Amino acid sequence: MITIFYEHGNIDVSIWTDRLGALFLKYRTVEEAEAEFPRLVDDKKTAEGKVAIDEYIDGLEQFVKNWYEDRCDKYEFDTDQ
């Protein structure tokens, strides 16, 4: 599960959760009073700061897009060979 830790008043959290929700990924958000910057944790991977989190979610979006583009039913196969 992806967890986003963020400081109070962070306006980017709703954008990140919308993007993750569109990918049908399980996530949660945790507001931390002492947090100085947002942090995303996905198993053993961590992205710290707005730019790093945006780039991490960009990568997830690309992964999902490629996953659907690689479907076998998109391609024609010659069954005689």
N, C-alpha and C. Protein backbone atom coordinates (compact mmCIF):
# COMPACT_ATOMS: atom_id res chain seq x y z
N MET A 1 0.83 -1.17 0.00
CA MET A 1 0.00 0.00 0.00
C MET A 1 0.89 1.24 0.00
N ILE A 2 0.45 2.24 -0.72
CA ILE A 2 1.17 3.51 -0.78
C ILE A 2 0.66 4.39 0.36
N THR A 3 1.60 5.01 1.07
CA THR A 3 1.24 5.93 2.14
C THR A 3 1.89 7.28 1.86
N ILE A 4 1.10 8.33 1.95
CA ILE A 4 1.63 9.68 1.80
C ILE A 4 1.54 10.37 3.16
N PHE A 5 2.70 10.73 3.68
CA PHE A 5 2.80 11.50 4.92
C PHE A 5 2.95 12.96 4.51
N TYR A 6 2.20 13.84 5.15
CA TYR A 6 2.24 15.24 4.73
C TYR A 6 2.04 16.17 5.92
N GLU A 7 2.48 17.40 5.72
CA GLU A 7 2.34 18.42 6.74
C GLU A 7 0.96 19.08 6.62
N HIS A 8 0.48 19.63 7.71
CA HIS A 8 -0.83 20.30 7.73
C HIS A 8 -0.86 21.42 6.68
N GLY A 9 -1.95 21.48 5.95
CA GLY A 9 -2.13 22.54 4.97
C GLY A 9 -1.53 22.27 3.61
N ASN A 10 -0.99 21.08 3.40
CA ASN A 10 -0.39 20.76 2.10
C ASN A 10 -1.49 20.66 1.05
N ILE A 11 -1.39 21.50 0.02
CA ILE A 11 -2.44 21.56 -1.00
C ILE A 11 -2.27 20.51 -2.10
N ASP A 12 -1.15 19.84 -2.13
CA ASP A 12 -0.88 18.86 -3.18
C ASP A 12 -1.48 17.49 -2.88
N VAL A 13 -1.83 17.22 -1.64
CA VAL A 13 -2.30 15.89 -1.25
C VAL A 13 -3.53 15.47 -2.05
N SER A 14 -4.47 16.37 -2.24
CA SER A 14 -5.69 16.00 -2.98
C SER A 14 -5.38 15.68 -4.44
N ILE A 15 -4.42 16.36 -5.02
CA ILE A 15 -4.02 16.06 -6.40
C ILE A 15 -3.40 14.68 -6.47
N TRP A 16 -2.51 14.37 -5.53
CA TRP A 16 -1.86 13.05 -5.52
C TRP A 16 -2.87 11.94 -5.31
N THR A 17 -3.82 12.14 -4.38
CA THR A 17 -4.80 11.08 -4.12
C THR A 17 -5.74 10.90 -5.31
N ASP A 18 -6.06 11.98 -6.01
CA ASP A 18 -6.87 11.86 -7.23
C ASP A 18 -6.14 11.03 -8.28
N ARG A 19 -4.86 11.31 -8.45
CA ARG A 19 -4.06 10.58 -9.44
C ARG A 19 -3.94 9.10 -9.07
N LEU A 20 -3.67 8.81 -7.80
CA LEU A 20 -3.56 7.41 -7.36
C LEU A 20 -4.90 6.70 -7.47
N GLY A 21 -5.97 7.39 -7.13
CA GLY A 21 -7.31 6.80 -7.24
C GLY A 21 -7.66 6.46 -8.68
N ALA A 22 -7.23 7.29 -9.62
CA ALA A 22 -7.49 7.03 -11.04
C ALA A 22 -6.75 5.78 -11.52
N LEU A 23 -5.69 5.42 -10.82
CA LEU A 23 -4.92 4.21 -11.17
C LEU A 23 -5.44 2.98 -10.44
N PHE A 24 -6.46 3.17 -9.60
CA PHE A 24 -7.05 2.08 -8.81
C PHE A 24 -6.03 1.43 -7.89
N LEU A 25 -5.13 2.26 -7.35
CA LEU A 25 -4.13 1.77 -6.40
C LEU A 25 -4.59 2.04 -4.97
N LYS A 26 -4.26 1.14 -4.08
CA LYS A 26 -4.61 1.31 -2.68
C LYS A 26 -3.61 2.27 -2.04
N TYR A 27 -4.14 3.27 -1.34
CA TYR A 27 -3.28 4.26 -0.71
C TYR A 27 -3.95 4.78 0.56
N ARG A 28 -3.16 5.45 1.37
CA ARG A 28 -3.69 6.16 2.53
C ARG A 28 -2.87 7.42 2.72
N THR A 29 -3.44 8.39 3.42
CA THR A 29 -2.73 9.62 3.73
C THR A 29 -2.65 9.77 5.25
N VAL A 30 -1.54 10.31 5.70
CA VAL A 30 -1.32 10.52 7.13
C VAL A 30 -0.79 11.94 7.33
N GLU A 31 -1.57 12.75 8.05
CA GLU A 31 -1.10 14.09 8.37
C GLU A 31 -0.19 14.01 9.59
N GLU A 32 0.98 14.62 9.46
CA GLU A 32 1.96 14.63 10.55
C GLU A 32 2.24 16.07 10.94
N ALA A 33 1.97 16.40 12.18
CA ALA A 33 2.16 17.77 12.66
C ALA A 33 3.62 18.22 12.54
N GLU A 34 4.54 17.31 12.75
CA GLU A 34 5.96 17.68 12.74
C GLU A 34 6.63 17.53 11.37
N ALA A 35 5.88 17.13 10.36
CA ALA A 35 6.46 16.94 9.02
C ALA A 35 6.87 18.29 8.42
N GLU A 36 8.05 18.30 7.82
CA GLU A 36 8.54 19.51 7.17
C GLU A 36 8.28 19.49 5.67
N PHE A 37 8.10 18.29 5.12
CA PHE A 37 7.84 18.12 3.70
C PHE A 37 7.09 16.81 3.51
N PRO A 38 6.38 16.65 2.39
CA PRO A 38 5.63 15.42 2.17
C PRO A 38 6.56 14.26 1.82
N ARG A 39 6.09 13.06 2.13
CA ARG A 39 6.88 11.85 1.85
C ARG A 39 5.93 10.75 1.42
N LEU A 40 6.26 10.06 0.34
CA LEU A 40 5.49 8.92 -0.14
C LEU A 40 6.30 7.66 0.13
N VAL A 41 5.64 6.66 0.70
CA VAL A 41 6.28 5.38 0.98
C VAL A 41 5.47 4.29 0.29
N ASP A 42 6.15 3.51 -0.54
CA ASP A 42 5.53 2.40 -1.26
C ASP A 42 6.41 1.17 -1.03
N ASP A 43 6.02 0.36 -0.05
CA ASP A 43 6.81 -0.79 0.36
C ASP A 43 8.19 -0.30 0.80
N LYS A 44 9.24 -0.61 0.05
CA LYS A 44 10.59 -0.19 0.44
C LYS A 44 11.07 1.04 -0.32
N LYS A 45 10.21 1.60 -1.18
CA LYS A 45 10.58 2.78 -1.96
C LYS A 45 10.03 4.02 -1.28
N THR A 46 10.82 5.09 -1.32
CA THR A 46 10.42 6.35 -0.69
C THR A 46 10.69 7.50 -1.65
N ALA A 47 9.75 8.44 -1.71
CA ALA A 47 9.93 9.68 -2.46
C ALA A 47 9.67 10.82 -1.48
N GLU A 48 10.63 11.74 -1.38
CA GLU A 48 10.51 12.84 -0.42
C GLU A 48 10.45 14.17 -1.15
N GLY A 49 9.44 14.95 -0.83
CA GLY A 49 9.27 16.26 -1.44
C GLY A 49 8.29 16.21 -2.61
N LYS A 50 7.74 17.37 -2.93
CA LYS A 50 6.72 17.48 -3.98
C LYS A 50 7.20 16.95 -5.32
N VAL A 51 8.36 17.38 -5.76
CA VAL A 51 8.86 16.99 -7.08
C VAL A 51 9.07 15.48 -7.15
N ALA A 52 9.67 14.90 -6.13
CA ALA A 52 9.93 13.46 -6.11
C ALA A 52 8.63 12.66 -6.10
N ILE A 53 7.63 13.13 -5.36
CA ILE A 53 6.35 12.43 -5.32
C ILE A 53 5.66 12.52 -6.68
N ASP A 54 5.67 13.71 -7.29
CA ASP A 54 5.09 13.86 -8.63
C ASP A 54 5.77 12.92 -9.62
N GLU A 55 7.08 12.84 -9.57
CA GLU A 55 7.82 11.96 -10.48
C GLU A 55 7.51 10.49 -10.21
N TYR A 56 7.36 10.12 -8.96
CA TYR A 56 7.03 8.73 -8.62
C TYR A 56 5.65 8.36 -9.16
N ILE A 57 4.68 9.25 -8.97
CA ILE A 57 3.34 8.97 -9.48
C ILE A 57 3.34 8.99 -11.00
N ASP A 58 4.13 9.87 -11.62
CA ASP A 58 4.28 9.84 -13.09
C ASP A 58 4.73 8.46 -13.54
N GLY A 59 5.70 7.89 -12.84
CA GLY A 59 6.20 6.56 -13.18
C GLY A 59 5.14 5.49 -13.03
N LEU A 60 4.32 5.59 -11.99
CA LEU A 60 3.23 4.63 -11.81
C LEU A 60 2.21 4.75 -12.94
N GLU A 61 1.90 5.99 -13.32
CA GLU A 61 0.95 6.20 -14.42
C GLU A 61 1.49 5.62 -15.72
N GLN A 62 2.77 5.80 -15.98
CA GLN A 62 3.38 5.23 -17.19
C GLN A 62 3.37 3.71 -17.14
N PHE A 63 3.66 3.14 -15.97
CA PHE A 63 3.64 1.69 -15.81
C PHE A 63 2.25 1.13 -16.12
N VAL A 64 1.22 1.75 -15.57
CA VAL A 64 -0.15 1.28 -15.81
C VAL A 64 -0.52 1.44 -17.28
N LYS A 65 -0.14 2.57 -17.88
CA LYS A 65 -0.43 2.80 -19.30
C LYS A 65 0.24 1.73 -20.15
N ASN A 66 1.50 1.43 -19.88
CA ASN A 66 2.22 0.40 -20.63
C ASN A 66 1.62 -0.97 -20.39
N TRP A 67 1.16 -1.22 -19.19
CA TRP A 67 0.55 -2.51 -18.86
C TRP A 67 -0.63 -2.77 -19.79
N TYR A 68 -1.48 -1.77 -19.95
CA TYR A 68 -2.66 -1.95 -20.80
C TYR A 68 -2.29 -1.96 -22.28
N GLU A 69 -1.22 -1.28 -22.66
CA GLU A 69 -0.80 -1.29 -24.05
C GLU A 69 -0.19 -2.63 -24.45
N ASP A 70 0.29 -3.40 -23.49
CA ASP A 70 0.93 -4.68 -23.77
C ASP A 70 -0.04 -5.86 -23.76
N ARG A 71 -1.31 -5.59 -23.77
CA ARG A 71 -2.31 -6.67 -23.79
C ARG A 71 -2.13 -7.53 -25.04
N CYS A 72 -2.19 -8.81 -24.88
CA CYS A 72 -2.04 -9.72 -26.02
C CYS A 72 -3.22 -9.64 -26.97
N ASP A 73 -4.39 -9.29 -26.49
CA ASP A 73 -5.56 -9.27 -27.37
C ASP A 73 -5.53 -8.11 -28.36
N LYS A 74 -4.56 -7.22 -28.24
CA LYS A 74 -4.42 -6.13 -29.20
C LYS A 74 -3.75 -6.57 -30.49
N TYR A 75 -3.06 -7.67 -30.44
CA TYR A 75 -2.23 -8.07 -31.56
C TYR A 75 -2.84 -9.25 -32.29
N GLU A 76 -2.58 -9.28 -33.57
CA GLU A 76 -3.05 -10.41 -34.37
C GLU A 76 -1.94 -11.45 -34.44
N PHE A 77 -2.32 -12.70 -34.25
CA PHE A 77 -1.36 -13.80 -34.31
C PHE A 77 -1.77 -14.74 -35.43
N ASP A 78 -0.78 -15.26 -36.11
CA ASP A 78 -1.03 -16.25 -37.15
C ASP A 78 -1.10 -17.61 -36.46
N THR A 79 -2.29 -18.17 -36.36
CA THR A 79 -2.47 -19.43 -35.64
C THR A 79 -1.96 -20.63 -36.43
N ASP A 80 -1.64 -20.44 -37.70
CA ASP A 80 -1.13 -21.55 -38.52
C ASP A 80 0.36 -21.79 -38.30
N GLN A 81 1.04 -20.90 -37.65
CA GLN A 81 2.49 -21.05 -37.47
C GLN A 81 2.81 -21.51 -36.09
